[in-house]
Protein backbone atom coordinates (compact mmCIF):
# COMPACT_ATOMS: atom_id res chain seq x y z
CA MET A 1 -148.82 134.32 38.63
CA ILE A 2 -147.63 132.95 42.07
CA ASP A 3 -150.32 133.74 45.48
CA LEU A 4 -149.15 137.02 47.13
CA ARG A 5 -149.72 134.82 50.68
CA LEU A 6 -146.94 132.87 49.61
CA LEU A 7 -144.55 135.84 48.92
CA ARG A 8 -145.30 137.21 52.57
CA GLU A 9 -145.52 134.00 54.38
CA ASP A 10 -141.86 132.48 52.68
CA PRO A 11 -139.65 135.43 50.72
CA ASP A 12 -137.13 133.04 50.72
CA ARG A 13 -138.55 130.42 48.58
CA VAL A 14 -139.42 132.94 46.01
CA ARG A 15 -136.14 133.95 45.84
CA ALA A 16 -134.84 130.91 45.75
CA SER A 17 -136.59 130.10 42.85
CA GLN A 18 -135.67 133.60 41.05
CA ARG A 19 -132.00 132.34 41.57
CA ALA A 20 -132.90 128.82 40.12
CA ARG A 21 -134.00 130.08 37.18
CA GLY A 22 -131.25 132.70 36.88
CA GLU A 23 -133.79 135.56 37.21
CA ASP A 24 -133.29 139.11 38.94
CA VAL A 25 -133.72 138.19 42.47
CA SER A 26 -134.72 141.84 43.46
CA LEU A 27 -137.79 141.40 42.17
CA VAL A 28 -139.13 139.57 45.14
CA ASP A 29 -138.61 142.58 47.36
CA ALA A 30 -139.58 145.05 45.16
CA LEU A 31 -143.14 143.09 45.43
CA LEU A 32 -142.52 142.93 48.59
CA SER A 33 -142.49 146.45 49.15
CA ALA A 34 -145.29 147.20 46.37
CA ASP A 35 -147.57 144.71 48.08
CA GLU A 36 -147.08 146.67 51.94
CA ARG A 37 -147.60 150.30 49.98
CA ARG A 38 -150.21 148.61 48.27
CA ARG A 39 -151.91 147.43 51.23
CA SER A 40 -151.00 150.81 53.55
CA SER A 41 -152.34 152.68 51.11
CA GLY A 42 -155.92 150.99 50.96
CA VAL A 43 -156.19 150.57 55.03
CA ARG A 44 -155.97 154.59 54.42
CA PHE A 45 -158.39 154.97 52.27
CA ASP A 46 -160.87 153.50 54.05
CA GLU A 47 -160.05 155.19 57.02
CA LEU A 48 -160.65 158.42 54.75
CA ARG A 49 -163.55 157.51 52.98
CA SER A 50 -165.38 156.21 56.16
CA GLU A 51 -164.42 159.63 58.40
CA GLN A 52 -166.29 161.24 55.13
CA LYS A 53 -169.10 159.51 55.38
CA ALA A 54 -169.48 159.98 59.13
CA LEU A 55 -168.94 163.34 58.74
CA GLY A 56 -171.49 163.40 55.86
CA LYS A 57 -173.89 162.43 58.56
CA LEU A 58 -173.44 165.20 60.67
CA ILE A 59 -173.89 167.87 58.27
CA PRO A 60 -177.48 167.69 57.90
CA ARG A 61 -177.96 167.91 61.47
CA ALA A 62 -175.11 170.42 62.88
CA THR A 63 -176.10 174.14 63.07
CA PRO A 64 -175.58 177.01 61.13
CA GLU A 65 -172.26 177.83 63.01
CA GLU A 66 -170.99 174.52 63.39
CA ARG A 67 -172.14 173.58 59.43
CA ALA A 68 -169.85 175.83 58.32
CA GLU A 69 -166.71 174.26 60.07
CA LEU A 70 -167.59 170.56 58.78
CA LEU A 71 -167.97 172.04 55.39
CA GLN A 72 -164.77 172.90 55.40
CA LYS A 73 -163.53 170.02 56.87
CA ALA A 74 -165.32 167.30 53.93
CA GLU A 75 -164.10 169.54 51.77
CA GLN A 76 -160.35 168.69 53.06
CA LEU A 77 -161.85 165.33 53.18
CA LYS A 78 -163.09 165.12 49.38
CA THR A 79 -158.99 165.90 48.74
CA ASP A 80 -157.87 163.38 50.63
CA VAL A 81 -159.78 160.88 49.76
CA LYS A 82 -158.99 161.96 46.12
CA ALA A 83 -155.50 161.65 46.57
CA ALA A 84 -154.90 158.45 48.75
CA GLU A 85 -157.42 156.81 45.67
CA ALA A 86 -154.95 157.69 43.09
CA GLU A 87 -152.21 156.10 45.93
CA GLN A 88 -153.92 153.05 45.87
CA ASN A 89 -154.61 152.25 42.42
CA ASP A 90 -150.99 153.73 41.50
CA ALA A 91 -149.76 150.73 44.61
CA ASP A 92 -151.73 148.27 43.24
CA GLU A 93 -150.73 148.71 39.28
CA THR A 94 -147.19 148.63 40.26
CA ALA A 95 -147.72 145.28 42.21
CA LYS A 96 -149.79 143.89 39.62
CA ARG A 97 -146.88 144.77 37.26
CA LEU A 98 -144.34 143.79 39.45
CA LEU A 99 -146.37 140.53 40.14
CA LEU A 100 -146.17 139.40 36.25
CA GLN A 101 -143.38 139.43 35.82
CA LEU A 102 -142.52 136.68 38.87
CA GLY A 103 -142.03 133.03 37.19
CA ASN A 104 -144.18 129.98 38.88
CA ILE A 105 -142.20 129.24 41.89
CA VAL A 106 -139.67 125.97 40.88
CA HIS A 107 -140.37 122.46 42.05
CA THR A 108 -138.15 121.02 44.82
CA ASP A 109 -137.31 117.99 42.47
CA VAL A 110 -136.50 119.93 39.32
CA PRO A 111 -132.47 120.02 38.09
CA VAL A 112 -131.18 123.51 38.89
CA GLY A 113 -129.28 125.13 35.67
CA GLY A 114 -129.58 126.46 32.13
CA GLU A 115 -130.68 124.03 28.98
CA GLU A 116 -127.82 121.40 29.53
CA ASP A 117 -128.37 120.70 32.95
CA PHE A 118 -131.41 118.51 32.75
CA VAL A 119 -131.60 115.04 33.78
CA VAL A 120 -132.61 112.15 32.11
CA LEU A 121 -135.29 109.99 33.99
CA GLU A 122 -136.08 107.24 31.14
CA THR A 123 -134.98 105.47 27.46
CA HIS A 124 -137.13 104.09 25.98
CA GLY A 125 -136.68 101.99 22.14
CA THR A 126 -133.89 100.75 20.62
CA ILE A 127 -131.36 103.33 18.21
CA ARG A 128 -130.91 101.96 14.55
CA ASP A 129 -127.25 100.83 14.09
CA PHE A 130 -128.00 101.59 9.92
CA ALA A 131 -124.17 100.69 9.31
CA ALA A 132 -124.85 97.10 10.34
CA GLU A 133 -127.84 97.00 7.75
CA GLY A 134 -124.92 98.65 5.48
CA PHE A 135 -126.35 102.16 4.04
CA GLU A 136 -125.55 105.65 5.62
CA PRO A 137 -129.06 107.30 6.33
CA LYS A 138 -129.93 110.53 4.68
CA ASP A 139 -131.47 113.22 6.35
CA HIS A 140 -135.24 114.24 6.63
CA LEU A 141 -135.28 116.77 3.66
CA GLU A 142 -133.49 114.78 1.60
CA LEU A 143 -135.88 111.70 1.75
CA GLY A 144 -138.99 114.13 1.92
CA GLU A 145 -137.42 115.53 -1.68
CA ALA A 146 -137.58 112.04 -3.10
CA LEU A 147 -140.67 111.59 -1.59
CA GLY A 148 -142.53 114.32 -2.76
CA ALA A 149 -143.24 115.30 0.37
CA ILE A 150 -141.61 118.52 1.77
CA ASP A 151 -140.85 121.69 -0.63
CA VAL A 152 -138.68 124.14 1.05
CA GLU A 153 -137.48 126.22 -1.48
CA ARG A 154 -140.68 127.18 -2.83
CA GLY A 155 -142.09 127.45 0.65
CA ALA A 156 -138.59 130.18 1.07
CA LYS A 157 -139.89 131.58 -2.52
CA VAL A 158 -143.48 132.38 -1.13
CA SER A 159 -142.98 133.13 2.78
CA GLY A 160 -139.40 133.69 3.64
CA SER A 161 -136.93 131.10 5.28
CA ARG A 162 -138.62 128.89 7.93
CA PHE A 163 -141.51 127.81 5.95
CA TYR A 164 -142.37 125.09 4.11
CA TYR A 165 -144.83 122.79 1.95
CA LEU A 166 -145.89 118.92 2.67
CA THR A 167 -147.17 118.02 -0.37
CA GLY A 168 -148.52 114.73 -1.93
CA VAL A 169 -147.61 111.77 0.74
CA GLY A 170 -145.98 114.23 2.86
CA ALA A 171 -149.81 116.13 3.23
CA LEU A 172 -151.24 112.60 4.25
CA LEU A 173 -149.04 111.83 6.66
CA GLU A 174 -149.75 114.98 8.33
CA LEU A 175 -153.24 114.43 8.35
CA ALA A 176 -152.43 111.15 10.02
CA LEU A 177 -150.45 111.93 12.82
CA VAL A 178 -153.69 114.67 13.78
CA ASN A 179 -156.09 111.87 13.26
CA ALA A 180 -154.38 109.89 15.30
CA ALA A 181 -153.46 111.61 17.79
CA ILE A 182 -156.72 113.02 17.76
CA ALA A 183 -157.86 109.39 18.53
CA GLN A 184 -155.64 108.48 21.08
CA ALA A 185 -156.50 111.31 23.04
CA THR A 186 -160.68 111.02 22.59
CA GLU A 187 -160.18 107.64 23.60
CA ALA A 188 -158.43 108.94 26.83
CA GLY A 189 -161.32 111.18 27.64
CA PHE A 190 -159.96 114.43 26.45
CA ILE A 191 -162.54 116.89 24.13
CA PRO A 192 -161.59 118.05 20.88
CA MET A 193 -161.05 121.23 20.25
CA LEU A 194 -160.56 123.66 16.88
CA THR A 195 -159.24 126.22 18.57
CA PRO A 196 -159.02 130.30 17.47
CA ALA A 197 -154.87 130.82 16.37
CA LEU A 198 -156.18 135.06 17.14
CA VAL A 199 -156.25 135.29 20.65
CA ARG A 200 -156.75 138.99 22.69
CA PRO A 201 -153.68 140.51 25.11
CA ARG A 202 -154.84 139.44 28.13
CA ALA A 203 -155.07 135.72 27.15
CA MET A 204 -151.22 135.73 25.62
CA GLU A 205 -150.43 137.41 29.06
CA GLY A 206 -152.50 135.47 31.25
CA THR A 207 -150.62 131.82 30.29
CA GLY A 208 -147.28 133.88 30.40
CA PHE A 209 -145.83 134.17 27.15
CA LEU A 210 -145.79 138.22 26.72
CA GLY A 211 -142.84 137.91 29.33
CA GLN A 212 -138.95 136.47 28.82
CA ALA A 213 -140.94 134.31 25.63
CA ALA A 214 -142.50 137.31 24.06
CA GLU A 215 -139.44 137.42 21.56
CA ASN A 216 -140.61 134.84 19.74
CA VAL A 217 -144.33 135.57 19.32
CA TYR A 218 -146.28 137.48 15.92
CA HIS A 219 -147.86 140.30 17.45
CA LEU A 220 -150.73 142.17 14.75
CA GLU A 221 -149.81 145.74 15.85
CA LYS A 222 -153.12 147.25 14.12
CA ASP A 223 -155.80 145.17 15.81
CA ASP A 224 -153.59 144.02 18.55
CA TYR A 225 -154.25 140.30 18.50
CA TYR A 226 -151.70 138.14 18.41
CA LEU A 227 -150.64 134.95 16.98
CA VAL A 228 -150.72 131.77 18.93
CA GLY A 229 -147.56 129.62 19.19
CA THR A 230 -149.75 126.89 21.23
CA SER A 231 -153.45 126.16 21.82
CA GLU A 232 -152.48 125.73 25.37
CA VAL A 233 -152.62 129.66 25.05
CA PRO A 234 -156.87 129.36 24.38
CA LEU A 235 -157.21 126.41 25.63
CA ALA A 236 -156.16 127.80 28.71
CA ALA A 237 -158.13 130.85 28.52
CA TYR A 238 -161.42 129.30 27.25
CA HIS A 239 -162.61 129.44 30.73
CA MET A 240 -160.84 132.65 31.18
CA ASP A 241 -163.24 134.75 34.39
CA GLU A 242 -164.75 131.44 35.57
CA ILE A 243 -165.62 129.32 38.40
CA ILE A 244 -165.71 125.04 37.89
CA ASP A 245 -167.47 123.34 40.37
CA ALA A 246 -164.86 120.53 41.77
CA ASP A 247 -166.99 117.68 40.78
CA LYS A 248 -166.71 118.52 37.10
CA LEU A 249 -162.55 118.23 37.63
CA PRO A 250 -160.45 117.06 36.07
CA LEU A 251 -161.60 119.37 32.19
CA ARG A 252 -159.79 117.55 29.35
CA TYR A 253 -158.99 119.13 26.30
CA ALA A 254 -157.18 118.48 22.61
CA GLY A 255 -156.63 121.19 20.72
CA PHE A 256 -155.42 121.28 17.26
CA SER A 257 -154.77 124.30 16.00
CA PRO A 258 -151.35 125.77 12.96
CA CYS A 259 -148.82 127.73 15.70
CA PHE A 260 -146.51 130.42 14.73
CA ARG A 261 -143.14 131.14 15.92
CA ARG A 262 -140.76 133.73 15.06
CA GLU A 263 -137.88 131.85 16.35
CA ALA A 264 -136.06 134.41 17.67
CA GLY A 265 -132.31 134.22 18.87
CA THR A 266 -131.77 130.73 16.65
CA TYR A 267 -130.42 132.24 13.70
CA GLY A 268 -127.78 129.41 12.27
CA LYS A 269 -129.96 126.77 14.19
CA ASP A 270 -131.64 124.09 12.67
CA THR A 271 -131.66 125.83 8.93
CA ARG A 272 -132.29 123.18 7.17
CA GLY A 273 -135.00 121.01 6.64
CA ILE A 274 -138.18 121.42 8.98
CA PHE A 275 -137.35 121.51 12.15
CA ARG A 276 -137.05 124.57 13.84
CA VAL A 277 -140.28 126.47 11.01
CA HIS A 278 -142.43 129.65 11.90
CA GLN A 279 -145.17 127.76 11.09
CA PHE A 280 -146.34 124.62 11.76
CA ASP A 281 -149.59 122.14 13.07
CA LYS A 282 -150.05 120.86 16.47
CA VAL A 283 -152.51 118.63 19.24
CA GLU A 284 -151.99 119.82 22.46
CA MET A 285 -153.15 118.21 25.38
CA PHE A 286 -154.89 120.30 28.23
CA SER A 287 -155.97 119.78 31.54
CA TYR A 288 -157.98 121.86 34.16
CA VAL A 289 -157.84 120.05 37.64
CA ALA A 290 -157.74 120.30 41.26
CA PRO A 291 -154.73 121.88 42.39
CA GLU A 292 -154.14 118.91 45.18
CA ASP A 293 -154.09 116.21 41.82
CA ALA A 294 -151.75 118.17 39.53
CA GLU A 295 -148.52 115.94 39.99
CA ASN A 296 -150.09 112.92 39.23
CA GLU A 297 -152.25 114.85 36.51
CA HIS A 298 -148.24 115.73 35.05
CA LYS A 299 -147.42 112.16 34.77
CA ARG A 300 -150.43 111.17 33.34
CA LEU A 301 -150.01 114.02 30.54
CA LEU A 302 -146.48 112.33 30.44
CA ASP A 303 -147.36 108.76 30.17
CA TRP A 304 -149.66 109.70 27.14
CA GLU A 305 -147.25 111.14 25.73
CA LYS A 306 -145.07 108.43 25.72
CA GLN A 307 -147.71 106.19 24.91
CA TRP A 308 -148.00 108.10 21.61
CA LEU A 309 -144.27 108.25 20.91
CA THR A 310 -144.13 104.44 21.29
CA GLY A 311 -146.69 103.67 19.15
CA LEU A 312 -144.24 105.66 16.41
CA GLU A 313 -141.95 103.32 17.22
CA LEU A 314 -139.11 105.76 17.51
CA PRO A 315 -136.84 105.57 20.34
CA PHE A 316 -136.51 108.66 22.96
CA GLN A 317 -135.64 109.66 25.81
CA VAL A 318 -137.68 111.18 29.04
CA ILE A 319 -135.61 114.41 31.05
CA ASP A 320 -136.54 116.76 33.63
CA VAL A 321 -136.00 119.90 32.24
CA ALA A 322 -133.56 122.31 33.97
CA THR A 323 -134.78 125.46 36.11
CA GLY A 324 -133.28 128.05 33.60
CA ASP A 325 -135.22 126.45 30.87
CA LEU A 326 -138.72 126.10 32.33
CA GLY A 327 -140.66 129.07 30.99
CA ALA A 328 -142.82 131.40 33.44
CA SER A 329 -145.69 129.56 33.62
CA ALA A 330 -144.03 125.80 34.34
CA SER A 331 -143.08 124.47 38.18
CA ARG A 332 -141.78 121.15 36.13
CA LYS A 333 -141.31 120.48 32.35
CA PHE A 334 -140.70 117.07 31.40
CA ASP A 335 -139.80 116.78 28.04
CA CYS A 336 -139.80 113.40 25.38
CA GLU A 337 -136.95 113.70 23.15
CA ALA A 338 -136.76 111.49 19.96
CA TRP A 339 -133.39 109.95 18.00
CA ILE A 340 -132.76 111.96 15.36
CA PRO A 341 -130.10 109.32 13.17
CA THR A 342 -128.40 111.99 11.50
CA GLN A 343 -128.01 114.69 13.79
CA GLY A 344 -127.39 111.57 15.97
CA LYS A 345 -128.60 113.05 19.10
CA TYR A 346 -131.92 113.48 21.09
CA ARG A 347 -134.42 116.16 19.97
CA GLU A 348 -137.37 117.49 21.70
CA LEU A 349 -140.98 116.12 20.22
CA THR A 350 -142.89 116.18 22.64
CA SER A 351 -143.49 118.89 26.57
CA ALA A 352 -145.61 118.21 29.50
CA SER A 353 -145.96 120.98 32.17
CA ASN A 354 -147.23 121.28 35.10
CA CYS A 355 -148.49 124.86 35.86
CA ASP A 356 -150.07 125.08 39.21
CA SER A 357 -152.36 127.61 39.59
CA PHE A 358 -150.15 130.11 37.90
CA GLN A 359 -151.74 130.80 34.92
CA ALA A 360 -155.58 130.32 36.39
CA ARG A 361 -154.60 133.01 39.07
CA ARG A 362 -153.84 135.25 35.75
CA LEU A 363 -157.12 134.66 33.95
CA SER A 364 -159.52 134.24 36.65
CA VAL A 365 -160.33 130.58 36.29
CA ARG A 366 -161.42 129.36 40.14
CA MET A 367 -163.01 125.90 41.27
CA ARG A 368 -166.23 126.26 43.92
CA ASP A 369 -165.76 123.08 46.35
CA GLU A 370 -167.21 122.42 49.93
CA GLN A 371 -164.68 121.43 52.87
CA GLY A 372 -166.24 121.13 55.96
CA GLY A 373 -170.37 121.77 54.69
CA LYS A 374 -168.66 125.38 53.56
CA LYS A 375 -168.20 125.81 49.80
CA THR A 376 -164.89 127.69 49.01
CA VAL A 377 -163.86 129.66 45.40
CA GLN A 378 -160.26 129.12 44.79
CA PRO A 379 -157.85 129.36 42.00
CA LEU A 380 -157.61 125.34 40.08
CA ALA A 381 -154.16 124.20 38.56
CA THR A 382 -153.54 123.99 34.87
CA LEU A 383 -151.36 122.00 32.78
CA ASN A 384 -150.41 121.58 29.23
CA GLY A 385 -148.74 118.44 27.46
CA THR A 386 -147.90 118.93 23.81
CA LEU A 387 -149.10 115.26 21.94
CA CYS A 388 -147.83 116.40 17.97
CA ALA A 389 -145.96 118.50 17.12
CA VAL A 390 -145.94 117.74 13.67
CA PRO A 391 -143.05 118.76 11.35
CA ARG A 392 -140.57 117.42 13.56
CA THR A 393 -142.73 114.30 14.04
CA ILE A 394 -142.49 113.75 10.71
CA VAL A 395 -138.85 114.82 10.97
CA ALA A 396 -138.05 111.55 13.36
CA ILE A 397 -140.72 109.04 11.18
CA LEU A 398 -139.10 109.97 7.84
CA GLU A 399 -134.90 109.29 9.63
CA ASN A 400 -136.06 106.39 12.54
CA HIS A 401 -138.00 104.42 9.60
CA GLN A 402 -135.75 104.58 6.26
CA LEU A 403 -134.95 102.08 4.01
CA ALA A 404 -132.12 101.81 1.86
CA ASP A 405 -133.97 101.99 -1.55
CA GLY A 406 -134.71 105.70 -0.03
CA SER A 407 -138.39 104.45 0.69
CA VAL A 408 -140.40 104.60 4.00
CA ARG A 409 -141.84 101.89 6.49
CA VAL A 410 -144.94 103.50 7.87
CA PRO A 411 -145.92 102.55 11.87
CA GLU A 412 -148.54 100.00 12.26
CA VAL A 413 -150.87 103.19 14.15
CA LEU A 414 -150.79 105.23 11.25
CA ARG A 415 -151.23 102.61 8.49
CA PRO A 416 -155.22 102.84 8.97
CA TYR A 417 -155.12 106.35 8.29
CA LEU A 418 -152.85 106.36 5.57
CA GLY A 419 -155.28 103.72 4.00
CA GLY A 420 -153.57 100.83 4.71
CA ARG A 421 -149.85 101.91 2.60
CA GLU A 422 -147.26 100.32 4.65
CA VAL A 423 -144.60 102.34 2.89
CA LEU A 424 -143.82 105.50 2.03
CA GLU A 425 -141.93 105.48 -1.74
CA PRO A 426 -139.81 107.22 -3.87
CA ILE A 427 -141.51 108.85 -6.75
CA ALA A 428 -140.41 108.79 -10.29
CA LYS A 429 -138.55 112.08 -11.46
């Protein structure tokens, strides 16, 4: 959530952020009103409680004649205090509910617009000219089936559409990708983590996934658990309700987990193959830093993603995601999109998001610092970055590194994790 002081001091900035996101601007004024009501009802409650306590001290010393009048007044105060407390609680709940609906404040450099209004910041690698090489590229599913690596037919038979099996070299390729990604992250100072796939509502709400993204979240109603769509959720909640000493920052974690997404609203999109699926595995980077270091950490996360994709020898571009496509928690987001030959366009493989103190405020993760000889406690900043979303990375590798005979060249960075194998070859039928 945002800092309420910012809302009070600069409501126009919050309105501008909501407008840029394409969200309800009237929410800002509703929250301002609720916040004023919350504060005034709190003052009223404190005044009445103070009067009640003062009266309580007078009654034992009062004369019999005075006591009757004071007791009558005390009874009325008791009623008034109870009503003021109820008003304060209601106002507080209203303010909290509205505050949770408000997205993070958009960074001033983010391009304004919807999904297609991103700005390309960088382009890396060379797109292959398959025509010059004398053959038409196959898509990842045709290649994967020939390699004995992907089975979507049996995935659909067992679990429905957008499910799949990785088999043979497909399973080995996933394990190679995960191990290589974790190795890179560990070398960069991240602590490897295997995280829960089921979380309680507070963890999901605290990371901002029960707002506009709720339609894509799987909820197990009987037990009131949520299946995570990314290990960002359990990693953000890992230090929930904790105070971290500033000298221990940054804290960096690399989480590996299964991820589950309903993919609501994507009917008819990417239905072939494994690019857009309901369940997949992912290696996610997550950082806790001091607020003043958040922007630099954001660039570091992007650099680690670029290092990863460059190592996989994939052509890709880096985009500055537009305001309407940020998600509630991010103030700014960079995506790395790899070239997919058979689609003739770049598609998202990784994201790096700066959430500032938005998630930390919701999850009560704070840092203890010393300024001018005085200790202070304040929310820290959280950031997240996908290092390897496995199925999409497999799609990009198969299509970009395919050879004319249907085999696929293995990028050098993965060879040590595939027993030195240099080429994945089609299986004999």
